[in-house]
Each structure stands twice: as structure tokens, then as C-alpha cells.
Amino acid sequence: MAVEVLPLAQLKLATGPSPVTAEQRYWRSFKNQKSHTSTASWPISHISFPTTVGATTSNSLVAAAKLNDLFAVTSGPRVDIFSIRKREPLKTIGRFDSEAHSGEIRADGRVLVAGEDSGKMQVFDVGGGTRAVILKTWHIHKQPVWVTRWSPTELTTLMSASDDKTVRLWDLPSNNPSRMFTGHSDYVRCGAFMPGGNSNLIVSGSYDETVRVWDARSPGGSVLTFKHADPIEDVLPLPLGTTLLAAAGSAISVLDLVAAKPLRLITNHQKTVTSLSLASNGRRVVSGSLDGHVKVFETSGWNVVAGSKYPSPVLSIAVIAAGATQEDRHLAVGMQSGVLSLRTRLSGSAAEKARERAAEEAARDIGPQALDKLDSQKAKRKRKAVSNKAMALLGESVDVIIPTEATNSAGGRARRVKLRPWQEKFRRGRYAAALDDVVDMSGPDYQPVTALTLFVALRHRSALREALEGRDEVTVLPLLRWVSKYISDPRYVSVCVDVTFHLLDIYSEYVGGSSELADQFQMLWGKVSKEVEKAQMAIITTGMVESLMIGRME
């Protein structure tokens, strides 16, 4: 049985370095921006959502996180509860006597804790109803409470940090803290539980320019202290629990807790770094700064892989994850202007539908032909899906199914691929006619890569001279114009040189009888001469640069 004739595979031209990396494309996929402005344009000081911490988290907390659909936004004297799926506020907690701080939802999504400027801490039931009910109130701190955090592993344990220079551990049923840590000499503005399934280890950052690690099992002060040159605005432990990030001034320090030493100082921001957040399951870190920039760092070499600019100083940032796999869903940025920016990354069927809508809109802008082509592609994909389904049904009684595109939905042989006119001429050996079709630059379907593909195929078949011979002035001129246009392109130069040598060998004796042929050859000569001059200048420049480098080394 004869093998089916397939179209000639089109060449793929070499491309230069992509101006957009895969990482940048990923972060640019956070689109569909939605903005909310806080009441009275209060600055967005804190954004939080309940997260689980890898394998150390209990099964009950993992299940709760899968079902949770809430994140909290703190601004002024209120905390707004938003839906992750709808990106809309569900309820507002305004039962504060002064400015609120650090509204945090527990891992099960049912309880929220927040501090305020009066020194009071309040716990609210946010799991049901339209209004939040106060479950607990503490008024032990005597100055503003800037940090409240739930333990990632124990539902009734939380921590707080205050301008009274103390860090405290709390048990939800108790009226007094279970442990108080003292040692900071200035305001404590940030803190967190260390990951690893142990709620006894916490970290705090203070305006006394120190980061301290505390152990509730140790009777003394901090077990580890790192001194910085600027006040500490935020701290962020990495998931493994051995590395800690601290935002001090415009720099971010990477601290090794095992070796008790700094690993690196990141200085990519121009103004104070205000907020840090994990992303991509701990493989990326996102930072926000008063310079309005949001930057993304990879955690192996701490290089910037993406970034964006916002119109106002950034006070808070969070990459909100959702689903069983904790995929990045929203990039939430809170600004000094009171604007909350939410950029969403679609995934799965939603992303596929968005791509289809974008392709349809682009085709509609181009014209009816593009729409027809898009419709035919959709129909082809649908036929392929039906074919694969039919193959699966036919093979239910076998052990292995070998899918193939050579069958239609009825299980028969697929329709033969239709060749384009120049491909049909090439298959039948009409090389000159095929070449005339592809070098016609005025044609509606002209593509230079198609012409290059045919030239390379003719050269491989040793049929290039055969396709160029026996021509008159009318059919030679398009070849000369094509060569003159693309001979300066490095991707085409090899083929253009071969074609030029053949044309000179065959038709140079006829130049004197045709002014148009002579003019076209003269134009080609001028183009080649300019390229030679450029190459000579490049060689001279290279020699000069090498001489300078050698002199500098000496």
C-alpha cells in the first residue's frame, strides 16, 4: 500500500532571545484586574488569607483550607472579608474603637482576630451570618497591637506583637497570655509563627532594628537575634523553617537560622520594603515597597524574575492561593491611596475559555477569512475529540489502545490532506512552476518562509538549477527581487548566495540585452557591497576592542 503524500514541512527560522521570559509570562497572566477603594480612602495596611503549611499540617486543616473561600483586608478602623472566588466583599467588621491592624482569618475560615491602636485584641466569628459576632476581647496590651497571627497548626493558639515592645502567645479560651516575650527596645511591628508544625517557635521584627527568634519552651529571652541597619517592617519564614526573610529599610535580608548567619542582602527596591509574601508554594517571594514597585524573586539565587509598577506606595501584598493544590489565584496589592488591586490568574477550563474568547476577538478584528479559519480549527479539534472517544470505546475490550489521527469518527480512514497548489506542483516535479508561486511577493498568501522552505527542498534534491533554468526576463526578475530583499538576512543568506551564483552563471550573458535585468543585477550588487562594508567595519571594530581589552589586562 502506497504511503500517503504529506505536505512539505515548513522550516522554522532561528529566533533571537525572547524579550519576555516564561516567568514574566506567568506573572503577566494575572489579568482581569479589579479594584476596590476603601471607605474614606483609608490606606490598605494588611491583606491575609488562611494557608496551610505543607505536609506538617494536619488533615483536618488541609480539608478546611480546601473549603475556605475568604481573605481579609484591613484598612482604617475596619476589616473587610472578601470572597476568593467572586473577588467581592462579603461582610465588613467595623466594631473597633480605633484604627485596626492585622486582621487574620484562622485556617478553618471561621474565626478572625485583629488588633487595634487602643491596645485591644478582638476575635470574631466570621463563619456564618452577615454580621461578625465578637467571641473574645483582650485588653492586656497597653499600646497599639500591630501583629496578630493564628498558629498554622493549632486552632486555639495565636500570637500578638505591640508597640509596648512585647510579643505574647495566647490560648483562645484563656483570658491571659500563656507566655510573654520581652527583649525588644522599640516598637514591634511584625511577627510570625515558624513553620514546621511547632507553635513554640515564633519570630518578630522591631523598630530597634533587630529580628528575634523566640522559643516558648525556653525560660529566657530570644534564642537568636539578628541586628540590622534599619527598622524591621516585615518578616517572612520560608516553608522549610530554616530560612527567614526580613524587610529592613529598602533591603531584604536572607537569614540562615541553622548557621545563624545572613546569606544575602537583596537591594532591588529604592524605598522602604513594607510587605513580603510567599507564592508558587514557597518557590517565589513577592515584595512590595513605598516606591510603588512589586517584585518577584526566585528562592534559589534570589534573582528578580518579574515585577510591576503601581500608581501609589504599596503597603501590603499577598499572593492568594486556592484549591487543593494551593495554586496562585490572585495577586492582591494594597496601596497608600486606599485602593485594593486584585489581579486574577485563570486556570483550567476558565483559562481555556478566556483564550478562545481572545482568539475570536482577534479574528473578528482581522476579517471574515480569519473567522472562517478559526471556525475550521474548532471543527477540526471537535472531530479529533470525537475520534479519540470512538477509539476508546472500540478498544474497551483490549489491553492497549494506540491512538492515531489517521481515523475518522466512524473508525475509517481519515480524509487525505489537501495539498496547496505549489505543493502539488512540487510533488509532480514541476519545480519551476512551484518556485514561481512562492516567490510572488504580491500574492495574498505570500510568506518568505514558504519560499525558503522550497529553496532548501530543491537544494536537497539537487534540483535547484533545474528550477532556475529555461526562464525568460519576466520569470527571472521576481527571483532577483526576492534574493535582493533577503540576502542581508542571516537566516536566508546561505540559500540566497546559492541562488545568486546559479542566476549569474545562467543569465549573466543576457544582461546586455535587457535594461531591467541589468538594473536588478546592479541593485543586487549594491546590496552585497553594503553588507561587505558592514562586515569589514565589524572586523575592524572587533580588532580595536580586543586591543583595548589586552591593554587593560596588561
Protein backbone atom coordinates (compact mmCIF):
# COMPACT_ATOMS: atom_id res chain seq x y z
CA MET A 1 0.00 0.00 0.00
CA ALA A 2 1.40 3.39 -1.02
CA VAL A 3 2.39 5.81 1.69
CA GLU A 4 0.19 8.87 1.93
CA VAL A 5 1.69 12.03 0.43
CA LEU A 6 2.17 14.67 3.11
CA PRO A 7 2.81 18.39 2.61
CA LEU A 8 6.40 19.58 2.66
CA ALA A 9 7.25 20.51 6.26
CA GLN A 10 7.85 24.24 6.57
CA LEU A 11 11.16 25.35 8.00
CA LYS A 12 11.36 27.04 11.38
CA LEU A 13 13.63 30.05 11.40
CA ALA A 14 16.06 30.63 14.21
CA THR A 15 14.86 33.23 16.68
CA GLY A 16 16.77 35.57 18.91
CA PRO A 17 16.46 35.70 22.69
CA SER A 18 12.88 36.19 23.78
CA PRO A 19 12.27 39.62 25.31
CA VAL A 20 9.73 38.03 27.66
CA THR A 21 10.76 35.10 29.85
CA ALA A 22 8.48 32.25 30.89
CA GLU A 23 8.44 33.65 34.43
CA GLN A 24 7.34 37.06 33.17
CA ARG A 25 4.62 35.47 31.07
CA TYR A 26 3.40 33.64 34.17
CA TRP A 27 3.10 36.81 36.23
CA ARG A 28 1.61 38.74 33.33
CA SER A 29 -1.10 36.09 33.21
CA PHE A 30 -2.51 37.71 36.37
CA LYS A 31 -5.00 39.81 34.44
CA ASN A 32 -8.65 40.79 34.76
CA GLN A 33 -7.76 43.49 37.26
CA LYS A 34 -10.42 44.56 39.72
CA SER A 35 -10.04 47.46 42.14
CA HIS A 36 -11.82 48.31 45.38
CA THR A 37 -11.44 51.62 47.19
CA SER A 38 -11.69 51.56 50.97
CA THR A 39 -14.13 53.80 52.83
CA ALA A 40 -12.75 57.34 53.14
CA SER A 41 -9.74 56.07 51.14
CA TRP A 42 -8.10 54.59 54.24
CA PRO A 43 -4.72 53.02 53.40
CA ILE A 44 -4.81 49.26 52.90
CA SER A 45 -2.48 48.23 55.70
CA HIS A 46 -2.84 44.42 55.68
CA ILE A 47 -4.04 41.57 53.44
CA SER A 48 -4.23 37.99 54.70
CA PHE A 49 -5.77 34.64 53.84
CA PRO A 50 -5.65 31.31 55.70
CA THR A 51 -2.97 28.98 54.42
CA THR A 52 -1.72 25.52 55.21
CA VAL A 53 1.95 24.73 55.66
CA GLY A 54 2.88 21.73 53.54
CA ALA A 55 3.00 18.22 54.89
CA THR A 56 3.25 19.28 58.50
CA THR A 57 -0.35 20.44 58.55
CA SER A 58 -2.97 18.11 59.92
CA ASN A 59 -5.56 16.53 57.62
CA SER A 60 -8.39 18.48 59.24
CA LEU A 61 -6.69 21.80 58.49
CA VAL A 62 -5.95 20.80 54.91
CA ALA A 63 -9.59 19.90 54.39
CA ALA A 64 -10.65 23.21 55.95
CA ALA A 65 -8.31 25.17 53.70
CA LYS A 66 -9.76 23.48 50.60
CA LEU A 67 -13.23 24.64 51.58
CA ASN A 68 -12.20 28.12 52.69
CA ASP A 69 -13.16 30.97 50.37
CA LEU A 70 -12.25 34.02 52.42
CA PHE A 71 -9.48 36.58 52.67
CA ALA A 72 -9.30 39.64 54.91
CA VAL A 73 -8.36 43.23 54.05
CA THR A 74 -7.57 45.67 56.88
CA SER A 75 -7.95 49.41 56.29
CA GLY A 76 -8.59 52.14 58.83
CA PRO A 77 -10.99 51.12 61.64
CA ARG A 78 -12.43 48.13 59.79
CA VAL A 79 -11.68 44.73 58.32
CA ASP A 80 -13.41 43.65 55.09
CA ILE A 81 -13.98 39.95 54.37
CA PHE A 82 -13.72 39.13 50.64
CA SER A 83 -14.64 36.04 48.64
CA ILE A 84 -11.72 34.43 46.82
CA ARG A 85 -14.00 33.12 44.06
CA LYS A 86 -16.09 36.24 43.49
CA ARG A 87 -13.50 38.88 44.48
CA GLU A 88 -16.29 40.82 46.18
CA PRO A 89 -16.68 41.89 49.84
CA LEU A 90 -18.99 39.59 51.78
CA LYS A 91 -19.09 41.39 55.12
CA THR A 92 -17.43 44.25 56.97
CA ILE A 93 -16.23 44.27 60.56
CA GLY A 94 -16.33 47.81 61.92
CA ARG A 95 -16.55 47.18 65.66
CA PHE A 96 -13.25 48.86 66.52
CA ASP A 97 -12.66 51.89 68.75
CA SER A 98 -9.60 52.99 66.77
CA GLU A 99 -7.56 52.00 63.73
CA ALA A 100 -7.45 48.21 63.20
CA HIS A 101 -4.34 46.18 62.41
CA SER A 102 -3.51 42.75 61.04
CA GLY A 103 -6.92 41.16 60.52
CA GLU A 104 -6.15 37.41 60.23
CA ILE A 105 -8.54 34.56 59.38
CA ARG A 106 -7.92 31.20 61.05
CA ALA A 107 -7.08 28.17 58.90
CA ASP A 108 -10.62 26.79 59.14
CA GLY A 109 -12.07 30.06 57.82
CA ARG A 110 -14.45 30.51 60.76
CA VAL A 111 -12.71 32.93 63.12
CA LEU A 112 -10.84 36.22 62.66
CA VAL A 113 -8.55 38.07 65.06
CA ALA A 114 -7.41 41.69 64.82
CA GLY A 115 -5.62 44.25 66.97
CA GLU A 116 -6.11 47.99 67.15
CA ASP A 117 -4.45 51.23 68.23
CA SER A 118 -6.12 51.17 71.63
CA GLY A 119 -4.19 48.00 72.55
CA LYS A 120 -7.31 45.85 72.37
CA MET A 121 -7.46 42.48 70.59
CA GLN A 122 -10.75 41.03 69.38
CA VAL A 123 -11.77 37.66 67.99
CA PHE A 124 -14.81 37.49 65.66
CA ASP A 125 -16.96 34.68 64.32
CA VAL A 126 -16.97 35.18 60.53
CA GLY A 127 -18.11 31.70 59.51
CA GLY A 128 -21.84 32.34 59.36
CA GLY A 129 -24.39 35.12 59.02
CA THR A 130 -23.96 38.55 57.55
CA ARG A 131 -22.62 40.14 60.74
CA ALA A 132 -19.49 39.22 62.63
CA VAL A 133 -20.05 38.30 66.29
CA ILE A 134 -17.42 39.13 68.91
CA LEU A 135 -16.22 35.93 70.56
CA LYS A 136 -13.34 37.21 72.66
CA THR A 137 -11.77 40.51 73.73
CA TRP A 138 -8.37 41.04 75.34
CA HIS A 139 -7.13 44.37 76.62
CA ILE A 140 -3.77 43.33 78.05
CA HIS A 141 -1.51 45.32 75.70
CA LYS A 142 -1.27 48.97 76.72
CA GLN A 143 -0.20 50.29 73.33
CA PRO A 144 -1.23 49.61 69.70
CA VAL A 145 -1.26 45.95 68.68
CA TRP A 146 0.27 45.71 65.20
CA VAL A 147 0.53 41.93 64.81
CA THR A 148 -2.00 39.16 65.38
CA ARG A 149 -1.32 35.71 63.92
CA TRP A 150 -3.01 32.34 64.23
CA SER A 151 -0.89 29.25 64.66
CA PRO A 152 -0.88 27.31 61.35
CA THR A 153 -1.27 24.00 63.19
CA GLU A 154 -3.21 24.64 66.41
CA LEU A 155 -6.63 26.26 66.10
CA THR A 156 -6.69 27.83 69.57
CA THR A 157 -3.15 29.28 69.63
CA LEU A 158 -2.26 32.77 68.41
CA MET A 159 0.42 35.41 68.89
CA SER A 160 0.50 39.18 69.16
CA ALA A 161 3.10 41.94 68.99
CA SER A 162 2.69 45.51 70.14
CA ASP A 163 4.23 48.94 70.47
CA ASP A 164 4.66 48.10 74.16
CA LYS A 165 7.79 46.19 72.98
CA THR A 166 6.37 42.76 73.91
CA VAL A 167 5.46 39.62 71.98
CA ARG A 168 2.83 37.36 73.52
CA LEU A 169 1.40 33.88 72.99
CA TRP A 170 -2.31 33.31 73.64
CA ASP A 171 -4.67 30.39 74.13
CA LEU A 172 -8.14 31.26 72.84
CA PRO A 173 -10.15 30.05 75.91
CA SER A 174 -7.82 31.85 78.35
CA ASN A 175 -8.14 35.46 79.47
CA ASN A 176 -4.39 35.98 79.89
CA PRO A 177 -1.41 35.27 77.63
CA SER A 178 0.22 31.90 78.05
CA ARG A 179 3.67 33.44 77.52
CA MET A 180 5.16 36.94 77.21
CA PHE A 181 8.49 37.63 75.50
CA THR A 182 10.49 40.74 76.33
CA GLY A 183 13.76 41.89 74.86
CA HIS A 184 12.93 44.40 72.13
CA SER A 185 13.75 48.01 72.95
CA ASP A 186 11.35 49.64 70.47
CA TYR A 187 8.01 49.09 68.72
CA VAL A 188 7.39 45.51 67.49
CA ARG A 189 5.67 45.86 64.12
CA CYS A 190 5.89 42.38 62.56
CA GLY A 191 5.96 38.73 63.56
CA ALA A 192 5.05 35.20 62.50
CA PHE A 193 4.99 31.58 63.62
CA MET A 194 7.87 29.48 62.35
CA PRO A 195 6.75 26.63 60.05
CA GLY A 196 7.44 23.01 60.83
CA GLY A 197 4.44 22.03 62.94
CA ASN A 198 5.80 23.60 66.11
CA SER A 199 3.84 26.51 67.59
CA ASN A 200 6.51 27.15 70.22
CA LEU A 201 8.86 28.94 67.78
CA ILE A 202 7.96 32.45 66.70
CA VAL A 203 9.87 35.31 65.10
CA SER A 204 9.43 39.06 65.49
CA GLY A 205 10.85 42.22 63.95
CA SER A 206 11.13 45.57 65.70
CA TYR A 207 11.98 49.20 65.11
CA ASP A 208 15.03 48.57 67.31
CA GLU A 209 16.48 47.12 64.05
CA THR A 210 16.56 43.53 65.33
CA VAL A 211 14.91 40.27 64.29
CA ARG A 212 14.47 37.87 67.21
CA VAL A 213 13.52 34.20 67.32
CA TRP A 214 11.67 33.10 70.45
CA ASP A 215 11.07 29.62 71.87
CA ALA A 216 8.16 29.22 74.28
CA ARG A 217 9.96 26.26 75.86
CA SER A 218 12.98 28.40 76.74
CA PRO A 219 12.63 30.31 80.03
CA GLY A 220 14.98 33.13 78.99
CA GLY A 221 14.87 35.71 76.23
CA SER A 222 15.26 35.25 72.48
CA VAL A 223 17.19 32.23 71.28
CA LEU A 224 18.55 34.04 68.20
CA THR A 225 18.97 37.72 67.32
CA PHE A 226 19.91 39.40 64.03
CA LYS A 227 20.90 43.07 64.06
CA HIS A 228 20.12 45.23 61.00
CA ALA A 229 20.86 48.79 59.96
CA ASP A 230 17.19 49.85 59.62
CA PRO A 231 13.85 49.24 61.37
CA ILE A 232 12.23 45.90 60.50
CA GLU A 233 8.96 46.30 58.60
CA ASP A 234 8.10 42.65 57.88
CA VAL A 235 9.41 39.13 58.45
CA LEU A 236 8.64 36.04 56.37
CA PRO A 237 9.78 32.48 57.24
CA LEU A 238 10.21 30.14 54.26
CA PRO A 239 8.28 26.84 54.34
CA LEU A 240 11.23 24.63 55.33
CA GLY A 241 11.72 26.63 58.52
CA THR A 242 15.48 27.08 58.08
CA THR A 243 15.47 30.42 56.23
CA LEU A 244 13.94 33.73 57.19
CA LEU A 245 13.43 36.95 55.23
CA ALA A 246 13.41 40.34 56.92
CA ALA A 247 12.48 43.65 55.27
CA ALA A 248 14.73 46.36 56.74
CA GLY A 249 14.61 49.74 55.03
CA SER A 250 14.91 49.34 51.27
CA ALA A 251 16.69 45.97 51.59
CA ILE A 252 15.58 42.39 52.23
CA SER A 253 17.95 40.21 54.23
CA VAL A 254 18.02 36.43 53.78
CA LEU A 255 18.87 34.83 57.13
CA ASP A 256 20.04 31.25 57.72
CA LEU A 257 18.60 30.12 61.06
CA VAL A 258 20.62 26.89 61.19
CA ALA A 259 24.02 28.55 60.66
CA ALA A 260 22.87 31.73 62.45
CA LYS A 261 24.22 34.00 59.74
CA PRO A 262 22.96 36.19 56.89
CA LEU A 263 23.03 34.59 53.45
CA ARG A 264 22.30 37.55 51.24
CA LEU A 265 21.14 41.17 51.19
CA ILE A 266 18.65 41.97 48.39
CA THR A 267 18.72 45.64 47.37
CA ASN A 268 16.38 45.84 44.37
CA HIS A 269 13.98 48.42 45.86
CA GLN A 270 14.62 52.14 46.09
CA LYS A 271 12.41 52.87 49.11
CA THR A 272 11.26 51.06 52.23
CA VAL A 273 10.03 47.49 51.68
CA THR A 274 6.71 47.24 53.50
CA SER A 275 5.40 43.74 52.82
CA LEU A 276 6.54 40.23 51.86
CA SER A 277 4.51 37.26 50.65
CA LEU A 278 5.13 33.70 49.53
CA ALA A 279 3.99 32.49 46.10
CA SER A 280 4.08 29.34 43.96
CA ASN A 281 4.03 27.06 47.01
CA GLY A 282 7.07 28.74 48.53
CA ARG A 283 9.23 28.76 45.38
CA ARG A 284 8.80 32.51 44.88
CA VAL A 285 8.75 35.54 47.18
CA VAL A 286 6.87 38.73 46.30
CA SER A 287 7.78 42.09 47.84
CA GLY A 288 6.02 45.46 47.89
CA SER A 289 7.62 48.83 48.58
CA LEU A 290 6.90 52.50 49.06
CA ASP A 291 8.49 53.06 45.63
CA GLY A 292 5.31 51.55 44.15
CA HIS A 293 7.11 48.51 42.78
CA VAL A 294 6.15 44.88 43.29
CA LYS A 295 9.00 42.45 42.61
CA VAL A 296 9.10 38.66 42.36
CA PHE A 297 12.21 36.74 43.49
CA GLU A 298 13.12 33.10 42.93
CA THR A 299 14.30 31.44 46.13
CA SER A 300 17.36 29.61 44.79
CA GLY A 301 19.55 32.53 43.67
CA TRP A 302 17.30 35.39 44.85
CA ASN A 303 17.19 37.00 41.43
CA VAL A 304 14.32 39.20 40.27
CA VAL A 305 12.26 37.23 37.76
CA ALA A 306 9.31 39.61 37.31
CA GLY A 307 7.93 42.89 38.53
CA SER A 308 5.28 45.57 38.06
CA LYS A 309 4.67 49.21 38.97
CA TYR A 310 1.66 50.58 40.84
CA PRO A 311 0.48 54.21 40.95
CA SER A 312 0.75 54.57 44.74
CA PRO A 313 3.09 53.37 47.52
CA VAL A 314 2.47 49.70 48.29
CA LEU A 315 1.70 48.98 51.96
CA SER A 316 0.56 45.36 51.80
CA ILE A 317 0.75 42.47 49.38
CA ALA A 318 -0.44 38.87 49.26
CA VAL A 319 -0.45 36.15 46.60
CA ILE A 320 -3.72 34.41 47.42
CA ALA A 321 -3.73 30.68 46.74
CA ALA A 322 -6.80 28.49 46.40
CA GLY A 323 -7.79 24.91 45.67
CA ALA A 324 -6.46 21.58 46.83
CA THR A 325 -3.06 22.21 45.22
CA GLN A 326 -2.86 25.80 46.56
CA GLU A 327 -2.36 27.34 43.12
CA ASP A 328 -1.71 31.07 42.87
CA ARG A 329 -5.09 32.64 42.17
CA HIS A 330 -4.96 36.38 42.94
CA LEU A 331 -2.22 38.98 43.27
CA ALA A 332 -3.65 41.36 45.89
CA VAL A 333 -1.92 44.70 46.41
CA GLY A 334 -2.99 47.30 48.98
CA MET A 335 -1.89 50.90 48.46
CA GLN A 336 -1.49 54.11 50.43
CA SER A 337 -4.23 55.69 48.27
CA GLY A 338 -6.80 53.26 49.71
CA VAL A 339 -7.06 51.17 46.54
CA LEU A 340 -7.04 47.38 46.70
CA SER A 341 -5.87 45.92 43.37
CA LEU A 342 -6.83 42.31 42.58
CA ARG A 343 -5.30 40.62 39.55
CA THR A 344 -6.51 37.11 38.81
CA ARG A 345 -4.82 34.22 37.04
CA LEU A 346 -7.30 31.93 35.34
CA SER A 347 -6.62 28.21 35.19
CA GLY A 348 -8.19 25.07 33.77
CA SER A 349 -11.39 25.45 31.76
CA ALA A 350 -11.71 29.14 32.65
CA ALA A 351 -8.29 29.86 31.12
CA GLU A 352 -9.18 27.86 28.01
CA LYS A 353 -12.42 29.81 27.56
CA ALA A 354 -10.56 33.09 28.00
CA ARG A 355 -8.05 32.08 25.31
CA GLU A 356 -10.88 31.14 22.96
CA ARG A 357 -12.60 34.48 23.52
CA ALA A 358 -9.35 36.36 22.87
CA ALA A 359 -8.71 34.37 19.67
CA GLU A 360 -12.25 35.03 18.47
CA GLU A 361 -11.95 38.76 19.11
CA ALA A 362 -8.61 38.91 17.29
CA ALA A 363 -10.05 37.00 14.32
CA ARG A 364 -13.09 39.31 14.22
CA ASP A 365 -10.79 42.33 14.03
CA ILE A 366 -8.84 40.82 11.11
CA GLY A 367 -11.85 39.91 8.96
CA PRO A 368 -14.21 37.16 7.76
CA GLN A 369 -11.39 34.95 6.43
CA ALA A 370 -9.76 34.78 9.87
CA LEU A 371 -13.12 33.89 11.44
CA ASP A 372 -13.63 31.11 8.91
CA LYS A 373 -10.16 29.76 9.62
CA LEU A 374 -10.83 29.84 13.38
CA ASP A 375 -14.13 28.01 12.89
CA SER A 376 -12.42 25.32 10.82
CA GLN A 377 -9.79 24.85 13.55
CA LYS A 378 -12.51 24.45 16.18
CA ALA A 379 -14.31 21.91 13.99
CA LYS A 380 -11.05 20.00 13.49
CA ARG A 381 -10.44 19.84 17.26
CA LYS A 382 -14.00 18.66 17.78
CA ARG A 383 -13.63 15.90 15.16
CA LYS A 384 -10.37 14.81 16.77
CA ALA A 385 -12.03 14.62 20.19
CA VAL A 386 -14.87 12.55 18.76
CA SER A 387 -12.35 10.28 17.03
CA ASN A 388 -10.40 9.72 20.23
CA LYS A 389 -13.63 8.94 22.08
CA ALA A 390 -14.63 6.45 19.40
CA MET A 391 -11.23 4.78 19.60
CA ALA A 392 -11.57 4.49 23.36
CA LEU A 393 -14.99 2.88 23.00
CA LEU A 394 -13.77 0.46 20.34
CA GLY A 395 -10.82 -0.54 22.48
CA GLU A 396 -12.63 -1.23 25.72
CA SER A 397 -12.02 -4.97 25.32
CA VAL A 398 -8.28 -4.67 24.57
CA ASP A 399 -5.30 -4.10 26.83
CA VAL A 400 -3.55 -1.29 24.93
CA ILE A 401 -5.04 1.37 22.65
CA ILE A 402 -2.76 3.04 20.10
CA PRO A 403 -4.38 6.36 19.16
CA THR A 404 -3.89 7.68 15.63
CA GLU A 405 -5.06 10.67 13.70
CA ALA A 406 -5.45 8.56 10.57
CA THR A 407 -9.01 7.53 11.50
CA ASN A 408 -12.25 9.45 11.38
CA SER A 409 -15.14 9.40 13.83
CA ALA A 410 -16.55 6.28 12.17
CA GLY A 411 -13.32 4.37 12.62
CA GLY A 412 -12.48 4.53 8.88
CA ARG A 413 -9.51 6.11 7.16
CA ALA A 414 -9.20 9.86 7.51
CA ARG A 415 -9.59 12.23 4.59
CA ARG A 416 -6.39 12.81 2.64
CA VAL A 417 -4.58 16.04 3.42
CA LYS A 418 -5.22 18.61 0.71
CA LEU A 419 -2.02 19.98 -0.80
CA ARG A 420 -1.64 23.60 -1.75
CA PRO A 421 -1.08 24.36 -5.47
CA TRP A 422 2.69 24.89 -5.15
CA GLN A 423 3.00 21.71 -3.06
CA GLU A 424 1.14 19.72 -5.72
CA LYS A 425 3.43 21.11 -8.44
CA PHE A 426 6.49 20.30 -6.35
CA ARG A 427 5.26 16.71 -5.81
CA ARG A 428 4.77 16.23 -9.56
CA GLY A 429 8.26 17.55 -10.35
CA ARG A 430 7.14 20.91 -11.78
CA TYR A 431 9.82 22.74 -9.83
CA ALA A 432 9.91 25.96 -11.85
CA ALA A 433 6.14 26.46 -11.59
CA ALA A 434 6.18 25.79 -7.85
CA LEU A 435 9.01 28.32 -7.45
CA ASP A 436 7.07 30.96 -9.38
CA ASP A 437 4.17 30.57 -6.94
CA VAL A 438 6.16 31.02 -3.73
CA VAL A 439 8.41 33.96 -4.78
CA ASP A 440 5.49 36.11 -5.93
CA MET A 441 5.61 38.76 -3.19
CA SER A 442 2.37 40.37 -4.40
CA GLY A 443 0.30 37.23 -3.77
CA PRO A 444 -2.25 37.18 -0.90
CA ASP A 445 -0.73 34.06 0.70
CA TYR A 446 2.92 35.04 0.28
CA GLN A 447 5.25 34.07 3.13
CA PRO A 448 9.04 34.32 2.86
CA VAL A 449 9.48 31.20 4.99
CA THR A 450 7.49 29.20 2.43
CA ALA A 451 9.89 30.31 -0.33
CA LEU A 452 12.87 29.44 1.87
CA THR A 453 11.38 26.00 2.56
CA LEU A 454 11.03 25.28 -1.16
CA PHE A 455 14.54 26.55 -1.97
CA VAL A 456 16.04 24.28 0.71
CA ALA A 457 13.99 21.29 -0.53
CA LEU A 458 15.16 21.91 -4.12
CA ARG A 459 18.76 22.14 -2.97
CA HIS A 460 18.45 18.86 -1.07
CA ARG A 461 17.07 17.20 -4.23
CA SER A 462 19.83 18.74 -6.38
CA ALA A 463 17.03 20.33 -8.40
CA LEU A 464 17.76 24.00 -7.71
CA ARG A 465 19.48 24.63 -11.06
CA GLU A 466 16.75 22.76 -12.89
CA ALA A 467 14.13 25.07 -11.33
CA LEU A 468 16.10 28.19 -12.33
CA GLU A 469 16.94 27.29 -15.93
CA GLY A 470 14.92 27.99 -19.07
CA ARG A 471 13.36 31.23 -17.88
CA ASP A 472 12.62 34.47 -19.67
CA GLU A 473 13.03 38.01 -18.38
CA VAL A 474 9.57 38.09 -16.80
CA THR A 475 10.12 35.00 -14.64
CA VAL A 476 13.75 35.77 -13.71
CA LEU A 477 13.04 39.24 -12.27
CA PRO A 478 10.87 38.00 -9.31
CA LEU A 479 13.71 35.67 -8.30
CA LEU A 480 16.24 38.51 -8.39
CA ARG A 481 13.93 40.77 -6.35
CA TRP A 482 13.44 38.04 -3.73
CA VAL A 483 17.17 37.43 -3.42
CA SER A 484 17.91 41.17 -3.22
CA LYS A 485 15.41 41.60 -0.41
CA TYR A 486 16.54 38.72 1.82
CA ILE A 487 20.29 38.37 1.12
CA SER A 488 21.07 40.63 4.10
CA ASP A 489 19.10 38.40 6.49
CA PRO A 490 21.47 35.88 8.20
CA ARG A 491 18.71 33.25 8.21
CA TYR A 492 18.32 33.42 4.41
CA VAL A 493 21.84 34.27 3.30
CA SER A 494 23.00 30.71 2.58
CA VAL A 495 20.15 29.96 0.17
CA CYS A 496 20.32 33.44 -1.37
CA VAL A 497 24.02 33.02 -2.17
CA ASP A 498 23.41 29.65 -3.88
CA VAL A 499 20.52 31.07 -5.93
CA THR A 500 22.58 34.15 -6.88
CA PHE A 501 25.51 32.06 -8.16
CA HIS A 502 23.15 29.98 -10.31
CA LEU A 503 21.42 33.08 -11.71
CA LEU A 504 24.76 34.74 -12.54
CA ASP A 505 26.02 31.58 -14.21
CA ILE A 506 22.87 31.09 -16.28
CA TYR A 507 21.71 34.62 -17.16
CA SER A 508 24.76 36.92 -16.99
CA GLU A 509 25.24 36.70 -20.78
CA TYR A 510 21.73 38.14 -21.31
CA VAL A 511 22.24 41.24 -19.15
CA GLY A 512 23.34 43.40 -22.07
CA GLY A 513 20.07 42.83 -23.91
CA SER A 514 17.74 43.76 -21.03
CA SER A 515 17.89 47.02 -19.09
CA GLU A 516 15.56 45.72 -16.35
CA LEU A 517 17.70 42.63 -15.86
CA ALA A 518 20.84 44.78 -15.71
CA ASP A 519 19.25 47.16 -13.17
CA GLN A 520 18.18 44.27 -10.94
CA PHE A 521 21.65 42.69 -11.02
CA GLN A 522 23.15 46.13 -10.28
CA MET A 523 20.81 46.54 -7.28
CA LEU A 524 21.82 43.10 -6.02
CA TRP A 525 25.50 44.01 -6.38
CA GLY A 526 24.96 47.24 -4.42
CA LYS A 527 23.18 45.36 -1.62
CA VAL A 528 26.00 42.83 -1.35
CA SER A 529 28.63 45.61 -1.40
CA LYS A 530 26.96 47.34 1.55
CA GLU A 531 26.86 44.09 3.51
CA VAL A 532 30.56 43.53 2.79
CA GLU A 533 31.38 47.03 4.04
CA LYS A 534 29.43 46.36 7.24
CA ALA A 535 31.28 43.08 7.75
CA GLN A 536 34.66 44.79 7.24
CA MET A 537 33.73 47.54 9.70
CA ALA A 538 32.64 44.90 12.24
CA ILE A 539 36.02 43.13 11.87
CA ILE A 540 37.90 46.41 12.36
CA THR A 541 35.79 47.29 15.43
CA THR A 542 36.36 43.83 16.88
CA GLY A 543 40.12 44.24 16.48
CA MET A 544 40.06 47.64 18.18
CA VAL A 545 38.02 46.30 21.12
CA GLU A 546 40.36 43.32 21.51
CA SER A 547 43.37 45.67 21.54
CA LEU A 548 41.78 47.79 24.25
CA MET A 549 40.96 44.74 26.35
CA ILE A 550 44.52 43.38 26.01
CA GLY A 551 45.97 46.78 27.01
CA ARG A 552 43.67 46.93 30.03
CA MET A 553 44.68 43.44 31.15
CA GLU A 554 48.36 44.37 30.93
